[in-house]
Each structure stands twice: as structure tokens, then as C-alpha cells.
Amino acid sequence: YLNGDSSRGQADGFELEVLGKLDTIKDAEGKDLRDFIFGVYFNDMEEKAAALIEDLDPVFQNCKRTISKDSGGVEKLGKQTRVALEDFDLCVRALAGDFAKMKETMSMVLSFIEDPADQFKLRMPREYEKAEASINALVDLRDEAKSDYEKMLKWFKVQSMKSSDFCLLWDNFFVPGDLIINKDAETKSNYLVPTFCKGKPFIIDDLMVL
């Protein structure tokens, strides 16, 4: 038990946010707790570790990593998410709303067209049906993604967390920016940047280099 025999009680686990604090716990040689965790996990549980990295690949692919220099010439690794579920939700809502308005406008226009052979009257209703089917499919996909994300947060005992924060939390845990920046220039340019900063999938062997 964590916190066993203490006034804080007993715990069988820890909050997900703790993953972002493990770098603050270091041994006498300066290696943090992540080094110990990955050493055990990647070496003694290689098959499970490989499966986890593969499962988390969509999360890693959603994180863009870029090395740049500040005004003082000091290198830093910046990260940002490519797609956030919350932004996707807003875009889908806006698209569905715009379509509903345009469909209403089309219906009004059709009501004024008396010629049964009018090309607009013959063609546009079918085009709108196709568009509506596509938008409805997109809405269903959005709803499914939101539901799955909420279920996953519930499984992790997390009440609320932005999808971008969730992705960066795992990416920072497995691909710490400081471990890339602190490597020598040759290793960074020849291996680390092509492996971790070009949007390509990586494997356990790549992480072990870090």
C-alpha cells in the first residue's frame, strides 16, 4: 500500500496527474523515477510494454514535437496537440447548425419554383440528402468519440480532463522533452529528431535510447 501506516491512510494506486510529477523524484545519481519504471517495464515486461506503446500510438501521433531556440539561443522542445476532441465537437456543432440553416433556405427557395423541370429543383434536394447523411455520420462519430473518452476518464477515476491535456500527459511521461534536449547534438540530429519529431510511430527500442 502507498501511504501505509501513515495518517494519510492507504492507497492502492495514484491519480493520473501524478504521471506528470514523477520526474521530481530522483536518486543519488540524478535519475528520476521514470528511469526505474521504464527499466523494469521495458526489460522485464517487454511484450506488455510493446502492446501498451502500440495502444497509445494514436495519442503519441496527436502530439506534435518541435525543437526550437529561445532568444538566448537555448534549445527547448515544444509540444502541442494536433486535434482536440473539444475543438472537433465545436466544429461539428457549427457545421450541423450551418447545414440546418441552409436546408431551411433551400426549402424556402424550392417553394417559389414552379417549373417542374428546373435544374435547381431537380438536383439540389438529392445533393442535400447526401450532405445530410454525411453530416449525420460525422455527428454520430463525434458522439461515439465523446462517449468513449468519458468512459476512459471514468476508468482512470478522472472526473474531468481536456483531451489535449490527456494526450500531453502521456506524451510527456513517455517522451520527456528534457531527455531529448540534453542529449548530444549528433544523437539528437541523427536519431532523436527523426524518430520523435517527424510524426512517425516509435517502438520500445526508441524509447530505451532516451
C-alpha atoms as a PDB file:
ATOM      1  CA  TYR A   1       0.000   0.000   0.000  1.00  0.00           C
ATOM      2  CA  LEU A   2       1.093   3.527  -0.747  1.00  0.00           C
ATOM      3  CA  ASN A   3       0.960   5.724   2.357  1.00  0.00           C
ATOM      4  CA  GLY A   4       0.645   2.612   4.518  1.00  0.00           C
ATOM      5  CA  ASP A   5       0.712   3.176   8.292  1.00  0.00           C
ATOM      6  CA  SER A   6       0.521   6.939   7.807  1.00  0.00           C
ATOM      7  CA  SER A   7      -2.097   9.498   8.752  1.00  0.00           C
ATOM      8  CA  ARG A   8      -2.962   9.774   5.055  1.00  0.00           C
ATOM      9  CA  GLY A   9      -4.337   6.248   5.034  1.00  0.00           C
ATOM     10  CA  GLN A  10      -3.764   3.563   2.452  1.00  0.00           C
ATOM     11  CA  ALA A  11      -3.923   3.690  -1.324  1.00  0.00           C
ATOM     12  CA  ASP A  12      -3.857   1.003  -3.976  1.00  0.00           C
ATOM     13  CA  GLY A  13      -2.920   3.448  -6.721  1.00  0.00           C
ATOM     14  CA  PHE A  14      -2.421   7.095  -7.580  1.00  0.00           C
ATOM     15  CA  GLU A  15      -4.113   9.845  -9.518  1.00  0.00           C
ATOM     16  CA  LEU A  16      -3.377  10.029 -13.229  1.00  0.00           C
ATOM     17  CA  GLU A  17      -1.932  13.525 -12.826  1.00  0.00           C
ATOM     18  CA  VAL A  18       0.917  12.029 -10.764  1.00  0.00           C
ATOM     19  CA  LEU A  19       2.482  10.853 -14.039  1.00  0.00           C
ATOM     20  CA  GLY A  20       3.490  14.448 -14.633  1.00  0.00           C
ATOM     21  CA  LYS A  21       5.334  14.667 -11.303  1.00  0.00           C
ATOM     22  CA  LEU A  22       7.495  11.536 -11.380  1.00  0.00           C
ATOM     23  CA  ASP A  23      10.462  13.480 -12.769  1.00  0.00           C
ATOM     24  CA  THR A  24      10.748  15.306  -9.441  1.00  0.00           C
ATOM     25  CA  ILE A  25      11.646  12.097  -7.567  1.00  0.00           C
ATOM     26  CA  LYS A  26      15.350  11.385  -8.134  1.00  0.00           C
ATOM     27  CA  ASP A  27      18.000   9.045  -6.770  1.00  0.00           C
ATOM     28  CA  ALA A  28      21.547   9.886  -5.694  1.00  0.00           C
ATOM     29  CA  GLU A  29      22.737   9.711  -9.311  1.00  0.00           C
ATOM     30  CA  GLY A  30      20.120  12.181 -10.508  1.00  0.00           C
ATOM     31  CA  LYS A  31      17.960   9.623 -12.306  1.00  0.00           C
ATOM     32  CA  ASP A  32      14.259  10.155 -11.744  1.00  0.00           C
ATOM     33  CA  LEU A  33      11.557   7.594 -11.006  1.00  0.00           C
ATOM     34  CA  ARG A  34      10.638   7.270 -14.670  1.00  0.00           C
ATOM     35  CA  ASP A  35      14.034   5.743 -15.398  1.00  0.00           C
ATOM     36  CA  PHE A  36      13.387   3.000 -12.837  1.00  0.00           C
ATOM     37  CA  ILE A  37       9.824   2.370 -14.051  1.00  0.00           C
ATOM     38  CA  PHE A  38      10.812   2.081 -17.705  1.00  0.00           C
ATOM     39  CA  GLY A  39      13.860  -0.025 -16.881  1.00  0.00           C
ATOM     40  CA  VAL A  40      11.688  -2.620 -15.164  1.00  0.00           C
ATOM     41  CA  TYR A  41       8.752  -2.370 -17.546  1.00  0.00           C
ATOM     42  CA  PHE A  42      10.660  -2.448 -20.840  1.00  0.00           C
ATOM     43  CA  ASN A  43      13.148  -5.130 -19.782  1.00  0.00           C
ATOM     44  CA  ASP A  44      11.034  -7.458 -17.630  1.00  0.00           C
ATOM     45  CA  MET A  45       7.633  -6.962 -19.284  1.00  0.00           C
ATOM     46  CA  GLU A  46       8.655  -6.312 -22.867  1.00  0.00           C
ATOM     47  CA  GLU A  47       5.597  -7.887 -24.503  1.00  0.00           C
ATOM     48  CA  LYS A  48       3.125  -5.932 -22.372  1.00  0.00           C
ATOM     49  CA  ALA A  49       5.152  -2.750 -22.792  1.00  0.00           C
ATOM     50  CA  ALA A  50       5.160  -3.142 -26.578  1.00  0.00           C
ATOM     51  CA  ALA A  51       1.386  -3.641 -26.558  1.00  0.00           C
ATOM     52  CA  LEU A  52       0.906  -0.504 -24.441  1.00  0.00           C
ATOM     53  CA  ILE A  53       3.065   1.626 -26.730  1.00  0.00           C
ATOM     54  CA  GLU A  54       1.101   0.356 -29.722  1.00  0.00           C
ATOM     55  CA  ASP A  55      -2.220   1.119 -27.993  1.00  0.00           C
ATOM     56  CA  LEU A  56      -1.035   4.630 -27.127  1.00  0.00           C
ATOM     57  CA  ASP A  57       0.249   5.347 -30.640  1.00  0.00           C
ATOM     58  CA  PRO A  58      -2.829   7.470 -31.571  1.00  0.00           C
ATOM     59  CA  VAL A  59      -2.080   9.614 -28.504  1.00  0.00           C
ATOM     60  CA  PHE A  60       1.575   9.994 -29.482  1.00  0.00           C
ATOM     61  CA  GLN A  61       0.672  10.741 -33.112  1.00  0.00           C
ATOM     62  CA  ASN A  62      -1.643  13.501 -31.901  1.00  0.00           C
ATOM     63  CA  CYS A  63       1.266  15.303 -30.239  1.00  0.00           C
ATOM     64  CA  LYS A  64       3.497  17.482 -32.383  1.00  0.00           C
ATOM     65  CA  ARG A  65       7.051  17.848 -31.033  1.00  0.00           C
ATOM     66  CA  THR A  66       9.308  20.647 -32.227  1.00  0.00           C
ATOM     67  CA  ILE A  67      12.801  21.701 -31.156  1.00  0.00           C
ATOM     68  CA  SER A  68      13.452  25.434 -31.246  1.00  0.00           C
ATOM     69  CA  LYS A  69      15.689  28.028 -29.615  1.00  0.00           C
ATOM     70  CA  ASP A  70      14.643  30.918 -27.422  1.00  0.00           C
ATOM     71  CA  SER A  71      16.008  34.462 -27.643  1.00  0.00           C
ATOM     72  CA  GLY A  72      19.048  33.386 -25.631  1.00  0.00           C
ATOM     73  CA  GLY A  73      19.886  30.560 -28.001  1.00  0.00           C
ATOM     74  CA  VAL A  74      18.819  27.856 -25.554  1.00  0.00           C
ATOM     75  CA  GLU A  75      17.155  24.844 -27.102  1.00  0.00           C
ATOM     76  CA  LYS A  76      13.723  23.764 -25.947  1.00  0.00           C
ATOM     77  CA  LEU A  77      11.272  21.121 -27.053  1.00  0.00           C
ATOM     78  CA  GLY A  78       7.736  22.388 -27.539  1.00  0.00           C
ATOM     79  CA  LYS A  79       4.668  20.188 -27.734  1.00  0.00           C
ATOM     80  CA  GLN A  80       1.141  20.781 -28.906  1.00  0.00           C
ATOM     81  CA  THR A  81      -1.774  18.555 -29.777  1.00  0.00           C
ATOM     82  CA  ARG A  82      -2.819  18.363 -33.405  1.00  0.00           C
ATOM     83  CA  VAL A  83      -6.512  17.693 -32.708  1.00  0.00           C
ATOM     84  CA  ALA A  84      -8.551  18.247 -29.545  1.00  0.00           C
ATOM     85  CA  LEU A  85     -11.851  16.466 -29.050  1.00  0.00           C
ATOM     86  CA  GLU A  86     -13.377  19.654 -27.672  1.00  0.00           C
ATOM     87  CA  ASP A  87     -12.433  21.630 -30.810  1.00  0.00           C
ATOM     88  CA  PHE A  88     -13.762  18.838 -33.012  1.00  0.00           C
ATOM     89  CA  ASP A  89     -17.032  18.969 -31.083  1.00  0.00           C
ATOM     90  CA  LEU A  90     -17.369  22.715 -31.706  1.00  0.00           C
ATOM     91  CA  CYS A  91     -16.619  22.316 -35.420  1.00  0.00           C
ATOM     92  CA  VAL A  92     -19.217  19.573 -35.816  1.00  0.00           C
ATOM     93  CA  ARG A  93     -21.811  21.630 -33.942  1.00  0.00           C
ATOM     94  CA  ALA A  94     -21.137  24.640 -36.163  1.00  0.00           C
ATOM     95  CA  LEU A  95     -21.255  22.557 -39.333  1.00  0.00           C
ATOM     96  CA  ALA A  96     -24.530  20.877 -38.353  1.00  0.00           C
ATOM     97  CA  GLY A  97     -26.029  24.248 -37.435  1.00  0.00           C
ATOM     98  CA  ASP A  98     -24.969  25.856 -40.719  1.00  0.00           C
ATOM     99  CA  PHE A  99     -26.383  22.939 -42.672  1.00  0.00           C
ATOM    100  CA  ALA A 100     -29.735  23.174 -40.892  1.00  0.00           C
ATOM    101  CA  LYS A 101     -29.976  26.865 -41.807  1.00  0.00           C
ATOM    102  CA  MET A 102     -29.024  26.252 -45.430  1.00  0.00           C
ATOM    103  CA  LYS A 103     -31.505  23.397 -45.703  1.00  0.00           C
ATOM    104  CA  GLU A 104     -34.233  25.688 -44.441  1.00  0.00           C
ATOM    105  CA  THR A 105     -33.214  28.318 -47.004  1.00  0.00           C
ATOM    106  CA  MET A 106     -33.247  25.722 -49.779  1.00  0.00           C
ATOM    107  CA  SER A 107     -36.753  24.614 -48.819  1.00  0.00           C
ATOM    108  CA  MET A 108     -37.914  28.215 -48.965  1.00  0.00           C
ATOM    109  CA  VAL A 109     -36.346  28.694 -52.408  1.00  0.00           C
ATOM    110  CA  LEU A 110     -37.938  25.490 -53.692  1.00  0.00           C
ATOM    111  CA  SER A 111     -41.350  26.715 -52.591  1.00  0.00           C
ATOM    112  CA  PHE A 112     -41.063  29.599 -55.074  1.00  0.00           C
ATOM    113  CA  ILE A 113     -40.001  27.453 -58.041  1.00  0.00           C
ATOM    114  CA  GLU A 114     -42.995  26.432 -60.112  1.00  0.00           C
ATOM    115  CA  ASP A 115     -41.182  24.904 -63.095  1.00  0.00           C
ATOM    116  CA  PRO A 116     -41.008  21.106 -62.532  1.00  0.00           C
ATOM    117  CA  ALA A 117     -38.037  20.899 -64.921  1.00  0.00           C
ATOM    118  CA  ASP A 118     -35.975  23.495 -63.055  1.00  0.00           C
ATOM    119  CA  GLN A 119     -32.447  22.099 -62.552  1.00  0.00           C
ATOM    120  CA  PHE A 120     -32.117  23.509 -59.047  1.00  0.00           C
ATOM    121  CA  LYS A 121     -35.362  21.847 -58.014  1.00  0.00           C
ATOM    122  CA  LEU A 122     -34.361  18.548 -59.618  1.00  0.00           C
ATOM    123  CA  ARG A 123     -30.799  18.390 -58.346  1.00  0.00           C
ATOM    124  CA  MET A 124     -30.425  20.181 -55.009  1.00  0.00           C
ATOM    125  CA  PRO A 125     -32.749  18.035 -52.857  1.00  0.00           C
ATOM    126  CA  ARG A 126     -30.652  14.952 -53.718  1.00  0.00           C
ATOM    127  CA  GLU A 127     -27.422  16.806 -53.029  1.00  0.00           C
ATOM    128  CA  TYR A 128     -28.737  17.944 -49.667  1.00  0.00           C
ATOM    129  CA  GLU A 129     -29.769  14.391 -48.809  1.00  0.00           C
ATOM    130  CA  LYS A 130     -26.210  13.218 -49.442  1.00  0.00           C
ATOM    131  CA  ALA A 131     -24.780  16.075 -47.403  1.00  0.00           C
ATOM    132  CA  GLU A 132     -27.205  15.415 -44.558  1.00  0.00           C
ATOM    133  CA  ALA A 133     -26.241  11.741 -44.455  1.00  0.00           C
ATOM    134  CA  SER A 134     -22.548  12.669 -44.271  1.00  0.00           C
ATOM    135  CA  ILE A 135     -23.114  15.228 -41.523  1.00  0.00           C
ATOM    136  CA  ASN A 136     -25.253  12.810 -39.524  1.00  0.00           C
ATOM    137  CA  ALA A 137     -22.469  10.219 -39.793  1.00  0.00           C
ATOM    138  CA  LEU A 138     -19.987  12.827 -38.567  1.00  0.00           C
ATOM    139  CA  VAL A 139     -22.258  13.703 -35.635  1.00  0.00           C
ATOM    140  CA  ASP A 140     -22.534  10.014 -34.738  1.00  0.00           C
ATOM    141  CA  LEU A 141     -18.748   9.680 -34.874  1.00  0.00           C
ATOM    142  CA  ARG A 142     -18.374  12.739 -32.645  1.00  0.00           C
ATOM    143  CA  ASP A 143     -20.868  11.352 -30.134  1.00  0.00           C
ATOM    144  CA  GLU A 144     -19.127   7.971 -30.105  1.00  0.00           C
ATOM    145  CA  ALA A 145     -15.725   9.586 -29.557  1.00  0.00           C
ATOM    146  CA  LYS A 146     -17.052  11.726 -26.699  1.00  0.00           C
ATOM    147  CA  SER A 147     -18.729   8.723 -25.077  1.00  0.00           C
ATOM    148  CA  ASP A 148     -15.590   6.578 -25.344  1.00  0.00           C
ATOM    149  CA  TYR A 149     -13.438   9.379 -23.933  1.00  0.00           C
ATOM    150  CA  GLU A 150     -15.774   9.871 -20.978  1.00  0.00           C
ATOM    151  CA  LYS A 151     -15.749   6.123 -20.288  1.00  0.00           C
ATOM    152  CA  MET A 152     -11.953   6.097 -20.377  1.00  0.00           C
ATOM    153  CA  LEU A 153     -11.710   9.005 -17.933  1.00  0.00           C
ATOM    154  CA  LYS A 154     -14.141   7.206 -15.655  1.00  0.00           C
ATOM    155  CA  TRP A 155     -11.964   4.086 -15.817  1.00  0.00           C
ATOM    156  CA  PHE A 156      -8.989   6.204 -14.746  1.00  0.00           C
ATOM    157  CA  LYS A 157     -11.113   7.718 -11.941  1.00  0.00           C
ATOM    158  CA  VAL A 158     -10.706  11.162 -13.508  1.00  0.00           C
ATOM    159  CA  GLN A 159     -13.689  13.464 -13.171  1.00  0.00           C
ATOM    160  CA  SER A 160     -12.738  15.858 -15.951  1.00  0.00           C
ATOM    161  CA  MET A 161      -9.734  16.457 -18.221  1.00  0.00           C
ATOM    162  CA  LYS A 162      -9.323  18.112 -21.607  1.00  0.00           C
ATOM    163  CA  SER A 163      -8.363  15.673 -24.337  1.00  0.00           C
ATOM    164  CA  SER A 164      -5.310  17.798 -25.187  1.00  0.00           C
ATOM    165  CA  ASP A 165      -4.114  17.611 -21.568  1.00  0.00           C
ATOM    166  CA  PHE A 166      -4.688  13.851 -21.557  1.00  0.00           C
ATOM    167  CA  CYS A 167      -2.572  13.367 -24.682  1.00  0.00           C
ATOM    168  CA  LEU A 168       0.240  15.617 -23.454  1.00  0.00           C
ATOM    169  CA  LEU A 169       0.260  13.917 -20.049  1.00  0.00           C
ATOM    170  CA  TRP A 170       1.068  10.540 -21.609  1.00  0.00           C
ATOM    171  CA  ASP A 171       3.428  12.018 -24.204  1.00  0.00           C
ATOM    172  CA  ASN A 172       5.400  13.890 -21.542  1.00  0.00           C
ATOM    173  CA  PHE A 173       5.604  10.702 -19.487  1.00  0.00           C
ATOM    174  CA  PHE A 174       6.981   8.515 -22.263  1.00  0.00           C
ATOM    175  CA  VAL A 175       8.800  11.179 -24.323  1.00  0.00           C
ATOM    176  CA  PRO A 176      10.221  13.706 -21.834  1.00  0.00           C
ATOM    177  CA  GLY A 177      11.395  16.815 -23.607  1.00  0.00           C
ATOM    178  CA  ASP A 178      14.408  17.318 -21.352  1.00  0.00           C
ATOM    179  CA  LEU A 179      15.788  13.871 -22.186  1.00  0.00           C
ATOM    180  CA  ILE A 180      15.811  14.793 -25.869  1.00  0.00           C
ATOM    181  CA  ILE A 181      17.247  18.284 -25.373  1.00  0.00           C
ATOM    182  CA  ASN A 182      20.024  17.091 -23.037  1.00  0.00           C
ATOM    183  CA  LYS A 183      21.429  14.537 -25.493  1.00  0.00           C
ATOM    184  CA  ASP A 184      24.471  15.429 -27.593  1.00  0.00           C
ATOM    185  CA  ALA A 185      23.935  17.239 -30.888  1.00  0.00           C
ATOM    186  CA  GLU A 186      24.832  14.233 -33.050  1.00  0.00           C
ATOM    187  CA  THR A 187      22.389  11.892 -31.288  1.00  0.00           C
ATOM    188  CA  LYS A 188      19.643  14.496 -31.494  1.00  0.00           C
ATOM    189  CA  SER A 189      20.057  15.297 -35.173  1.00  0.00           C
ATOM    190  CA  ASN A 190      20.760  11.761 -36.402  1.00  0.00           C
ATOM    191  CA  TYR A 191      18.342   9.774 -34.267  1.00  0.00           C
ATOM    192  CA  LEU A 192      16.083  11.559 -31.789  1.00  0.00           C
ATOM    193  CA  VAL A 193      14.690  14.285 -34.047  1.00  0.00           C
ATOM    194  CA  PRO A 194      13.909  11.898 -36.947  1.00  0.00           C
ATOM    195  CA  THR A 195      12.378   9.410 -34.504  1.00  0.00           C
ATOM    196  CA  PHE A 196      10.338  11.645 -32.230  1.00  0.00           C
ATOM    197  CA  CYS A 197       9.825  14.943 -34.081  1.00  0.00           C
ATOM    198  CA  LYS A 198       8.668  13.817 -37.520  1.00  0.00           C
ATOM    199  CA  GLY A 199       5.259  12.372 -36.638  1.00  0.00           C
ATOM    200  CA  LYS A 200       6.328   8.741 -37.081  1.00  0.00           C
ATOM    201  CA  PRO A 201       5.409   5.787 -34.828  1.00  0.00           C
ATOM    202  CA  PHE A 202       8.139   4.668 -32.438  1.00  0.00           C
ATOM    203  CA  ILE A 203       8.834   1.447 -30.536  1.00  0.00           C
ATOM    204  CA  ILE A 204      10.294   0.401 -27.192  1.00  0.00           C
ATOM    205  CA  ASP A 205      13.859   0.350 -28.550  1.00  0.00           C
ATOM    206  CA  ASP A 206      13.482   4.011 -29.494  1.00  0.00           C
ATOM    207  CA  LEU A 207      12.269   4.898 -26.006  1.00  0.00           C
ATOM    208  CA  MET A 208      15.144   2.996 -24.412  1.00  0.00           C
ATOM    209  CA  VAL A 209      17.566   5.352 -26.166  1.00  0.00           C
ATOM    210  CA  LEU A 210      16.042   8.184 -24.152  1.00  0.00           C
END
